[in-house]
Amino acid sequence: YVARRRKQVTPLGQMMDPLADKLLTSAAFISLVQ
């Protein structure tokens, strides 16, 4: 939301955003399995 509103969409952000999502959900799911 902030990136679009402030026109700060960057290649770095586009790369990190899905990576951060996958790390967060994967870590949570693996912990729940444990």
Full PDB file with SEQRES, HELIX, SHEET, SSBOND, CRYST1, ORIGX, SCALE, CONECT and MASTER records, all heavy atoms in Angstrom:
SEQRES   1 A   34  TYR VAL ALA ARG ARG ARG LYS GLN VAL THR PRO LEU GLY          
SEQRES   2 A   34  GLN MET MET ASP PRO LEU ALA ASP LYS LEU LEU THR SER          
SEQRES   3 A   34  ALA ALA PHE ILE SER LEU VAL GLN                              
HELIX    1 AA1 VAL A    2  ARG A    5  1                                   4    
HELIX    2 AA2 PRO A   11  VAL A   33  1                                  23    
CRYST1    1.000    1.000    1.000  90.00  90.00  90.00 P 1           1          
ORIGX1      1.000000  0.000000  0.000000        0.00000                         
ORIGX2      0.000000  1.000000  0.000000        0.00000                         
ORIGX3      0.000000  0.000000  1.000000        0.00000                         
SCALE1      1.000000  0.000000  0.000000        0.00000                         
SCALE2      0.000000  1.000000  0.000000        0.00000                         
SCALE3      0.000000  0.000000  1.000000        0.00000                         
ATOM      1  N   TYR A   1       0.838  -1.209   0.000  1.00  0.00           N  
ATOM      2  CA  TYR A   1       0.000   0.000   0.000  1.00  0.00           C  
ATOM      3  C   TYR A   1       0.872   1.257   0.000  1.00  0.00           C  
ATOM      4  O   TYR A   1       0.647   2.186  -0.788  1.00  0.00           O  
ATOM      5  CB  TYR A   1      -0.914  -0.010   1.221  1.00  0.00           C  
ATOM      6  CG  TYR A   1      -1.698   1.275   1.415  1.00  0.00           C  
ATOM      7  CD1 TYR A   1      -2.840   1.525   0.660  1.00  0.00           C  
ATOM      8  CD2 TYR A   1      -1.287   2.218   2.348  1.00  0.00           C  
ATOM      9  CE1 TYR A   1      -3.552   2.696   0.825  1.00  0.00           C  
ATOM     10  CE2 TYR A   1      -1.995   3.398   2.518  1.00  0.00           C  
ATOM     11  CZ  TYR A   1      -3.124   3.635   1.766  1.00  0.00           C  
ATOM     12  OH  TYR A   1      -3.824   4.810   1.933  1.00  0.00           O  
ATOM     13  N   VAL A   2       1.874   1.277   0.874  1.00  0.00           N  
ATOM     14  CA  VAL A   2       2.746   2.451   0.962  1.00  0.00           C  
ATOM     15  C   VAL A   2       3.555   2.627  -0.316  1.00  0.00           C  
ATOM     16  O   VAL A   2       3.721   3.747  -0.805  1.00  0.00           O  
ATOM     17  CB  VAL A   2       3.693   2.320   2.180  1.00  0.00           C  
ATOM     18  CG1 VAL A   2       4.732   3.451   2.183  1.00  0.00           C  
ATOM     19  CG2 VAL A   2       2.906   2.346   3.477  1.00  0.00           C  
ATOM     20  N   ALA A   3       4.046   1.513  -0.874  1.00  0.00           N  
ATOM     21  CA  ALA A   3       4.852   1.589  -2.095  1.00  0.00           C  
ATOM     22  C   ALA A   3       4.048   2.180  -3.249  1.00  0.00           C  
ATOM     23  O   ALA A   3       4.543   3.029  -4.003  1.00  0.00           O  
ATOM     24  CB  ALA A   3       5.374   0.205  -2.463  1.00  0.00           C  
ATOM     25  N   ARG A   4       2.790   1.748  -3.383  1.00  0.00           N  
ATOM     26  CA  ARG A   4       1.959   2.277  -4.467  1.00  0.00           C  
ATOM     27  C   ARG A   4       1.557   3.724  -4.208  1.00  0.00           C  
ATOM     28  O   ARG A   4       1.559   4.550  -5.132  1.00  0.00           O  
ATOM     29  CB  ARG A   4       0.711   1.400  -4.638  1.00  0.00           C  
ATOM     30  CG  ARG A   4       0.996   0.020  -5.205  1.00  0.00           C  
ATOM     31  CD  ARG A   4      -0.280  -0.724  -5.513  1.00  0.00           C  
ATOM     32  NE  ARG A   4      -1.063  -0.985  -4.304  1.00  0.00           N  
ATOM     33  CZ  ARG A   4      -0.938  -2.061  -3.551  1.00  0.00           C  
ATOM     34  NH1 ARG A   4      -0.043  -2.979  -3.874  1.00  0.00           N  
ATOM     35  NH2 ARG A   4      -1.700  -2.234  -2.479  1.00  0.00           N  
ATOM     36  N   ARG A   5       1.222   4.037  -2.977  1.00  0.00           N  
ATOM     37  CA  ARG A   5       0.768   5.388  -2.652  1.00  0.00           C  
ATOM     38  C   ARG A   5       1.889   6.417  -2.803  1.00  0.00           C  
ATOM     39  O   ARG A   5       1.659   7.528  -3.280  1.00  0.00           O  
ATOM     40  CB  ARG A   5       0.217   5.422  -1.228  1.00  0.00           C  
ATOM     41  CG  ARG A   5      -0.424   6.760  -0.854  1.00  0.00           C  
ATOM     42  CD  ARG A   5      -1.067   6.679   0.517  1.00  0.00           C  
ATOM     43  NE  ARG A   5      -1.698   7.930   0.884  1.00  0.00           N  
ATOM     44  CZ  ARG A   5      -2.907   8.298   0.512  1.00  0.00           C  
ATOM     45  NH1 ARG A   5      -3.637   7.493  -0.259  1.00  0.00           N  
ATOM     46  NH2 ARG A   5      -3.425   9.460   0.896  1.00  0.00           N  
ATOM     47  N   ARG A   6       3.096   6.031  -2.402  1.00  0.00           N  
ATOM     48  CA  ARG A   6       4.240   6.943  -2.465  1.00  0.00           C  
ATOM     49  C   ARG A   6       5.065   6.760  -3.739  1.00  0.00           C  
ATOM     50  O   ARG A   6       6.117   7.366  -3.901  1.00  0.00           O  
ATOM     51  CB  ARG A   6       5.126   6.739  -1.235  1.00  0.00           C  
ATOM     52  CG  ARG A   6       4.400   7.022   0.069  1.00  0.00           C  
ATOM     53  CD  ARG A   6       5.249   6.753   1.294  1.00  0.00           C  
ATOM     54  NE  ARG A   6       6.442   7.575   1.349  1.00  0.00           N  
ATOM     55  CZ  ARG A   6       7.234   7.683   2.415  1.00  0.00           C  
ATOM     56  NH1 ARG A   6       6.932   6.994   3.513  1.00  0.00           N  
ATOM     57  NH2 ARG A   6       8.291   8.435   2.395  1.00  0.00           N  
ATOM     58  N   LYS A   7       4.586   5.903  -4.635  1.00  0.00           N  
ATOM     59  CA  LYS A   7       5.264   5.628  -5.900  1.00  0.00           C  
ATOM     60  C   LYS A   7       6.705   5.184  -5.650  1.00  0.00           C  
ATOM     61  O   LYS A   7       7.650   5.669  -6.276  1.00  0.00           O  
ATOM     62  CB  LYS A   7       5.235   6.863  -6.808  1.00  0.00           C  
ATOM     63  CG  LYS A   7       3.831   7.291  -7.202  1.00  0.00           C  
ATOM     64  CD  LYS A   7       3.848   8.507  -8.100  1.00  0.00           C  
ATOM     65  CE  LYS A   7       2.434   8.929  -8.490  1.00  0.00           C  
ATOM     66  NZ  LYS A   7       2.432  10.140  -9.351  1.00  0.00           N  
ATOM     67  N   GLN A   8       6.858   4.224  -4.728  1.00  0.00           N  
ATOM     68  CA  GLN A   8       8.178   3.710  -4.388  1.00  0.00           C  
ATOM     69  C   GLN A   8       8.268   2.204  -4.656  1.00  0.00           C  
ATOM     70  O   GLN A   8       8.916   1.467  -3.915  1.00  0.00           O  
ATOM     71  CB  GLN A   8       8.500   4.005  -2.926  1.00  0.00           C  
ATOM     72  CG  GLN A   8       8.715   5.479  -2.637  1.00  0.00           C  
ATOM     73  CD  GLN A   8       9.079   5.747  -1.189  1.00  0.00           C  
ATOM     74  OE1 GLN A   8       8.706   5.002  -0.297  1.00  0.00           O  
ATOM     75  NE2 GLN A   8       9.799   6.827  -0.952  1.00  0.00           N  
ATOM     76  N   VAL A   9       7.596   1.763  -5.703  1.00  0.00           N  
ATOM     77  CA  VAL A   9       7.693   0.355  -6.113  1.00  0.00           C  
ATOM     78  C   VAL A   9       9.063   0.154  -6.761  1.00  0.00           C  
ATOM     79  O   VAL A   9       9.387   0.807  -7.754  1.00  0.00           O  
ATOM     80  CB  VAL A   9       6.577  -0.010  -7.100  1.00  0.00           C  
ATOM     81  CG1 VAL A   9       6.731  -1.456  -7.554  1.00  0.00           C  
ATOM     82  CG2 VAL A   9       5.215   0.208  -6.471  1.00  0.00           C  
ATOM     83  N   THR A  10       9.887  -0.707  -6.195  1.00  0.00           N  
ATOM     84  CA  THR A  10      11.250  -0.915  -6.679  1.00  0.00           C  
ATOM     85  C   THR A  10      11.485  -2.387  -7.014  1.00  0.00           C  
ATOM     86  O   THR A  10      10.807  -3.267  -6.485  1.00  0.00           O  
ATOM     87  CB  THR A  10      12.274  -0.493  -5.607  1.00  0.00           C  
ATOM     88  OG1 THR A  10      12.166  -1.383  -4.485  1.00  0.00           O  
ATOM     89  CG2 THR A  10      12.027   0.938  -5.141  1.00  0.00           C  
ATOM     90  N   PRO A  11      12.462  -2.660  -7.881  1.00  0.00           N  
ATOM     91  CA  PRO A  11      12.798  -4.059  -8.188  1.00  0.00           C  
ATOM     92  C   PRO A  11      13.205  -4.836  -6.932  1.00  0.00           C  
ATOM     93  O   PRO A  11      12.876  -6.010  -6.789  1.00  0.00           O  
ATOM     94  CB  PRO A  11      13.969  -3.932  -9.170  1.00  0.00           C  
ATOM     95  CG  PRO A  11      13.777  -2.586  -9.808  1.00  0.00           C  
ATOM     96  CD  PRO A  11      13.203  -1.715  -8.736  1.00  0.00           C  
ATOM     97  N   LEU A  12      13.928  -4.181  -6.015  1.00  0.00           N  
ATOM     98  CA  LEU A  12      14.335  -4.848  -4.780  1.00  0.00           C  
ATOM     99  C   LEU A  12      13.118  -5.237  -3.950  1.00  0.00           C  
ATOM    100  O   LEU A  12      13.037  -6.345  -3.416  1.00  0.00           O  
ATOM    101  CB  LEU A  12      15.246  -3.930  -3.962  1.00  0.00           C  
ATOM    102  CG  LEU A  12      15.702  -4.483  -2.602  1.00  0.00           C  
ATOM    103  CD1 LEU A  12      16.536  -5.739  -2.805  1.00  0.00           C  
ATOM    104  CD2 LEU A  12      16.491  -3.427  -1.839  1.00  0.00           C  
ATOM    105  N   GLY A  13      12.163  -4.328  -3.837  1.00  0.00           N  
ATOM    106  CA  GLY A  13      10.951  -4.615  -3.080  1.00  0.00           C  
ATOM    107  C   GLY A  13      10.138  -5.729  -3.712  1.00  0.00           C  
ATOM    108  O   GLY A  13       9.600  -6.597  -3.009  1.00  0.00           O  
ATOM    109  N   GLN A  14      10.054  -5.729  -5.038  1.00  0.00           N  
ATOM    110  CA  GLN A  14       9.310  -6.776  -5.741  1.00  0.00           C  
ATOM    111  C   GLN A  14       9.968  -8.136  -5.564  1.00  0.00           C  
ATOM    112  O   GLN A  14       9.286  -9.162  -5.591  1.00  0.00           O  
ATOM    113  CB  GLN A  14       9.208  -6.421  -7.228  1.00  0.00           C  
ATOM    114  CG  GLN A  14       8.315  -5.223  -7.504  1.00  0.00           C  
ATOM    115  CD  GLN A  14       8.325  -4.814  -8.963  1.00  0.00           C  
ATOM    116  OE1 GLN A  14       9.342  -4.914  -9.649  1.00  0.00           O  
ATOM    117  NE2 GLN A  14       7.189  -4.349  -9.460  1.00  0.00           N  
ATOM    118  N   MET A  15      11.279  -8.150  -5.365  1.00  0.00           N  
ATOM    119  CA  MET A  15      11.981  -9.414  -5.152  1.00  0.00           C  
ATOM    120  C   MET A  15      11.845  -9.879  -3.695  1.00  0.00           C  
ATOM    121  O   MET A  15      11.619 -11.051  -3.421  1.00  0.00           O  
ATOM    122  CB  MET A  15      13.464  -9.249  -5.496  1.00  0.00           C  
ATOM    123  CG  MET A  15      14.284 -10.508  -5.264  1.00  0.00           C  
ATOM    124  SD  MET A  15      16.060 -10.232  -5.384  1.00  0.00           S  
ATOM    125  CE  MET A  15      16.350  -9.268  -3.893  1.00  0.00           C  
ATOM    126  N   MET A  16      11.978  -8.928  -2.751  1.00  0.00           N  
ATOM    127  CA  MET A  16      11.962  -9.294  -1.325  1.00  0.00           C  
ATOM    128  C   MET A  16      10.578  -9.641  -0.812  1.00  0.00           C  
ATOM    129  O   MET A  16      10.441 -10.483   0.083  1.00  0.00           O  
ATOM    130  CB  MET A  16      12.526  -8.139  -0.484  1.00  0.00           C  
ATOM    131  CG  MET A  16      14.014  -7.968  -0.550  1.00  0.00           C  
ATOM    132  SD  MET A  16      14.636  -7.051   0.889  1.00  0.00           S  
ATOM    133  CE  MET A  16      13.525  -5.646   0.933  1.00  0.00           C  
ATOM    134  N   ASP A  17       9.537  -9.015  -1.346  1.00  0.00           N  
ATOM    135  CA  ASP A  17       8.193  -9.196  -0.798  1.00  0.00           C  
ATOM    136  C   ASP A  17       7.728 -10.653  -0.837  1.00  0.00           C  
ATOM    137  O   ASP A  17       7.345 -11.205   0.202  1.00  0.00           O  
ATOM    138  CB  ASP A  17       7.203  -8.291  -1.535  1.00  0.00           C  
ATOM    139  CG  ASP A  17       5.824  -8.340  -0.919  1.00  0.00           C  
ATOM    140  OD1 ASP A  17       5.678  -7.931   0.255  1.00  0.00           O  
ATOM    141  OD2 ASP A  17       4.888  -8.806  -1.597  1.00  0.00           O  
ATOM    142  N   PRO A  18       7.749 -11.329  -1.996  1.00  0.00           N  
ATOM    143  CA  PRO A  18       7.328 -12.743  -1.991  1.00  0.00           C  
ATOM    144  C   PRO A  18       8.267 -13.636  -1.196  1.00  0.00           C  
ATOM    145  O   PRO A  18       7.826 -14.626  -0.594  1.00  0.00           O  
ATOM    146  CB  PRO A  18       7.334 -13.124  -3.479  1.00  0.00           C  
ATOM    147  CG  PRO A  18       8.228 -12.136  -4.134  1.00  0.00           C  
ATOM    148  CD  PRO A  18       8.075 -10.872  -3.357  1.00  0.00           C  
ATOM    149  N   LEU A  19       9.561 -13.291  -1.149  1.00  0.00           N  
ATOM    150  CA  LEU A  19      10.507 -14.067  -0.361  1.00  0.00           C  
ATOM    151  C   LEU A  19      10.167 -13.976   1.125  1.00  0.00           C  
ATOM    152  O   LEU A  19      10.165 -14.987   1.835  1.00  0.00           O  
ATOM    153  CB  LEU A  19      11.929 -13.561  -0.603  1.00  0.00           C  
ATOM    154  CG  LEU A  19      13.031 -14.188   0.266  1.00  0.00           C  
ATOM    155  CD1 LEU A  19      13.127 -15.686  -0.003  1.00  0.00           C  
ATOM    156  CD2 LEU A  19      14.375 -13.504   0.011  1.00  0.00           C  
ATOM    157  N   ALA A  20       9.853 -12.768   1.585  1.00  0.00           N  
ATOM    158  CA  ALA A  20       9.492 -12.576   2.995  1.00  0.00           C  
ATOM    159  C   ALA A  20       8.217 -13.337   3.326  1.00  0.00           C  
ATOM    160  O   ALA A  20       8.101 -13.939   4.406  1.00  0.00           O  
ATOM    161  CB  ALA A  20       9.316 -11.083   3.289  1.00  0.00           C  
ATOM    162  N   ASP A  21       7.238 -13.323   2.412  1.00  0.00           N  
ATOM    163  CA  ASP A  21       5.984 -14.057   2.629  1.00  0.00           C  
ATOM    164  C   ASP A  21       6.239 -15.548   2.801  1.00  0.00           C  
ATOM    165  O   ASP A  21       5.707 -16.192   3.717  1.00  0.00           O  
ATOM    166  CB  ASP A  21       5.028 -13.834   1.459  1.00  0.00           C  
ATOM    167  CG  ASP A  21       4.547 -12.400   1.367  1.00  0.00           C  
ATOM    168  OD1 ASP A  21       4.665 -11.671   2.372  1.00  0.00           O  
ATOM    169  OD2 ASP A  21       4.061 -12.010   0.286  1.00  0.00           O  
ATOM    170  N   LYS A  22       7.056 -16.098   1.902  1.00  0.00           N  
ATOM    171  CA  LYS A  22       7.322 -17.547   1.941  1.00  0.00           C  
ATOM    172  C   LYS A  22       8.100 -17.936   3.195  1.00  0.00           C  
ATOM    173  O   LYS A  22       7.830 -18.981   3.795  1.00  0.00           O  
ATOM    174  CB  LYS A  22       8.080 -17.956   0.679  1.00  0.00           C  
ATOM    175  CG  LYS A  22       7.230 -17.924  -0.583  1.00  0.00           C  
ATOM    176  CD  LYS A  22       8.054 -18.215  -1.823  1.00  0.00           C  
ATOM    177  CE  LYS A  22       7.176 -18.284  -3.059  1.00  0.00           C  
ATOM    178  NZ  LYS A  22       6.412 -17.042  -3.287  1.00  0.00           N  
ATOM    179  N   LEU A  23       9.054 -17.109   3.601  1.00  0.00           N  
ATOM    180  CA  LEU A  23       9.810 -17.401   4.815  1.00  0.00           C  
ATOM    181  C   LEU A  23       8.899 -17.402   6.037  1.00  0.00           C  
ATOM    182  O   LEU A  23       8.982 -18.288   6.897  1.00  0.00           O  
ATOM    183  CB  LEU A  23      10.927 -16.358   5.000  1.00  0.00           C  
ATOM    184  CG  LEU A  23      12.144 -16.482   4.084  1.00  0.00           C  
ATOM    185  CD1 LEU A  23      13.079 -15.295   4.304  1.00  0.00           C  
ATOM    186  CD2 LEU A  23      12.885 -17.783   4.341  1.00  0.00           C  
ATOM    187  N   LEU A  24       8.013 -16.414   6.106  1.00  0.00           N  
ATOM    188  CA  LEU A  24       7.125 -16.288   7.267  1.00  0.00           C  
ATOM    189  C   LEU A  24       6.158 -17.460   7.360  1.00  0.00           C  
ATOM    190  O   LEU A  24       6.041 -18.106   8.413  1.00  0.00           O  
ATOM    191  CB  LEU A  24       6.354 -14.967   7.186  1.00  0.00           C  
ATOM    192  CG  LEU A  24       5.370 -14.689   8.327  1.00  0.00           C  
ATOM    193  CD1 LEU A  24       6.107 -14.569   9.652  1.00  0.00           C  
ATOM    194  CD2 LEU A  24       4.556 -13.427   8.039  1.00  0.00           C  
ATOM    195  N   THR A  25       5.443 -17.745   6.274  1.00  0.00           N  
ATOM    196  CA  THR A  25       4.443 -18.816   6.318  1.00  0.00           C  
ATOM    197  C   THR A  25       5.100 -20.193   6.462  1.00  0.00           C  
ATOM    198  O   THR A  25       4.595 -21.050   7.192  1.00  0.00           O  
ATOM    199  CB  THR A  25       3.557 -18.792   5.064  1.00  0.00           C  
ATOM    200  OG1 THR A  25       4.382 -18.850   3.884  1.00  0.00           O  
ATOM    201  CG2 THR A  25       2.715 -17.523   5.012  1.00  0.00           C  
ATOM    202  N   SER A  26       6.223 -20.403   5.791  1.00  0.00           N  
ATOM    203  CA  SER A  26       6.903 -21.703   5.881  1.00  0.00           C  
ATOM    204  C   SER A  26       7.404 -21.944   7.299  1.00  0.00           C  
ATOM    205  O   SER A  26       7.248 -23.051   7.842  1.00  0.00           O  
ATOM    206  CB  SER A  26       8.076 -21.765   4.899  1.00  0.00           C  
ATOM    207  OG  SER A  26       7.623 -21.689   3.564  1.00  0.00           O  
ATOM    208  N   ALA A  27       8.006 -20.926   7.914  1.00  0.00           N  
ATOM    209  CA  ALA A  27       8.500 -21.070   9.283  1.00  0.00           C  
ATOM    210  C   ALA A  27       7.358 -21.358  10.250  1.00  0.00           C  
ATOM    211  O   ALA A  27       7.476 -22.203  11.149  1.00  0.00           O  
ATOM    212  CB  ALA A  27       9.251 -19.804   9.705  1.00  0.00           C  
ATOM    213  N   ALA A  28       6.234 -20.665  10.060  1.00  0.00           N  
ATOM    214  CA  ALA A  28       5.076 -20.875  10.934  1.00  0.00           C  
ATOM    215  C   ALA A  28       4.515 -22.285  10.771  1.00  0.00           C  
ATOM    216  O   ALA A  28       4.235 -22.979  11.762  1.00  0.00           O  
ATOM    217  CB  ALA A  28       4.003 -19.839  10.631  1.00  0.00           C  
ATOM    218  N   PHE A  29       4.347 -22.741   9.532  1.00  0.00           N  
ATOM    219  CA  PHE A  29       3.786 -24.072   9.285  1.00  0.00           C  
ATOM    220  C   PHE A  29       4.703 -25.177   9.832  1.00  0.00           C  
ATOM    221  O   PHE A  29       4.232 -26.145  10.444  1.00  0.00           O  
ATOM    222  CB  PHE A  29       3.555 -24.291   7.794  1.00  0.00           C  
ATOM    223  CG  PHE A  29       2.246 -23.755   7.301  1.00  0.00           C  
ATOM    224  CD1 PHE A  29       2.172 -22.946   6.180  1.00  0.00           C  
ATOM    225  CD2 PHE A  29       1.063 -24.069   7.958  1.00  0.00           C  
ATOM    226  CE1 PHE A  29       0.955 -22.459   5.723  1.00  0.00           C  
ATOM    227  CE2 PHE A  29      -0.166 -23.587   7.510  1.00  0.00           C  
ATOM    228  CZ  PHE A  29      -0.212 -22.781   6.394  1.00  0.00           C  
ATOM    229  N   ILE A  30       5.998 -25.045   9.605  1.00  0.00           N  
ATOM    230  CA  ILE A  30       6.938 -26.057  10.095  1.00  0.00           C  
ATOM    231  C   ILE A  30       6.922 -26.103  11.618  1.00  0.00           C  
ATOM    232  O   ILE A  30       6.986 -27.180  12.227  1.00  0.00           O  
ATOM    233  CB  ILE A  30       8.358 -25.774   9.566  1.00  0.00           C  
ATOM    234  CG1 ILE A  30       8.393 -25.997   8.044  1.00  0.00           C  
ATOM    235  CG2 ILE A  30       9.386 -26.670  10.246  1.00  0.00           C  
ATOM    236  CD1 ILE A  30       9.682 -25.570   7.383  1.00  0.00           C  
ATOM    237  N   SER A  31       6.805 -24.942  12.242  1.00  0.00           N  
ATOM    238  CA  SER A  31       6.713 -24.892  13.709  1.00  0.00           C  
ATOM    239  C   SER A  31       5.442 -25.583  14.191  1.00  0.00           C  
ATOM    240  O   SER A  31       5.453 -26.297  15.197  1.00  0.00           O  
ATOM    241  CB  SER A  31       6.744 -23.442  14.190  1.00  0.00           C  
ATOM    242  OG  SER A  31       7.962 -22.809  13.848  1.00  0.00           O  
ATOM    243  N   LEU A  32       4.335 -25.381  13.481  1.00  0.00           N  
ATOM    244  CA  LEU A  32       3.069 -26.019  13.856  1.00  0.00           C  
ATOM    245  C   LEU A  32       3.140 -27.534  13.694  1.00  0.00           C  
ATOM    246  O   LEU A  32       2.525 -28.274  14.469  1.00  0.00           O  
ATOM    247  CB  LEU A  32       1.925 -25.447  13.013  1.00  0.00           C  
ATOM    248  CG  LEU A  32       1.550 -23.985  13.307  1.00  0.00           C  
ATOM    249  CD1 LEU A  32       0.527 -23.476  12.299  1.00  0.00           C  
ATOM    250  CD2 LEU A  32       1.008 -23.836  14.728  1.00  0.00           C  
ATOM    251  N   VAL A  33       3.892 -28.006  12.705  1.00  0.00           N  
ATOM    252  CA  VAL A  33       4.102 -29.451  12.560  1.00  0.00           C  
ATOM    253  C   VAL A  33       4.893 -29.976  13.744  1.00  0.00           C  
ATOM    254  O   VAL A  33       4.569 -31.028  14.317  1.00  0.00           O  
ATOM    255  CB  VAL A  33       4.837 -29.763  11.237  1.00  0.00           C  
ATOM    256  CG1 VAL A  33       5.261 -31.226  11.196  1.00  0.00           C  
ATOM    257  CG2 VAL A  33       3.945 -29.452  10.042  1.00  0.00           C  
ATOM    258  N   GLN A  34       5.937 -29.260  14.123  1.00  0.00           N  
ATOM    259  CA  GLN A  34       6.747 -29.662  15.269  1.00  0.00           C  
ATOM    260  C   GLN A  34       5.924 -29.696  16.555  1.00  0.00           C  
ATOM    261  O   GLN A  34       6.144 -30.535  17.427  1.00  0.00           O  
ATOM    262  CB  GLN A  34       7.927 -28.686  15.426  1.00  0.00           C  
ATOM    263  CG  GLN A  34       8.841 -28.953  16.607  1.00  0.00           C  
ATOM    264  CD  GLN A  34       9.576 -30.273  16.485  1.00  0.00           C  
ATOM    265  OE1 GLN A  34       9.803 -30.771  15.374  1.00  0.00           O  
ATOM    266  NE2 GLN A  34       9.944 -30.853  17.617  1.00  0.00           N  
TER     267      GLN A  34                                                      
MASTER        0    0    0    2    0    0    0    6  266    1    0    3          
END                                                                             
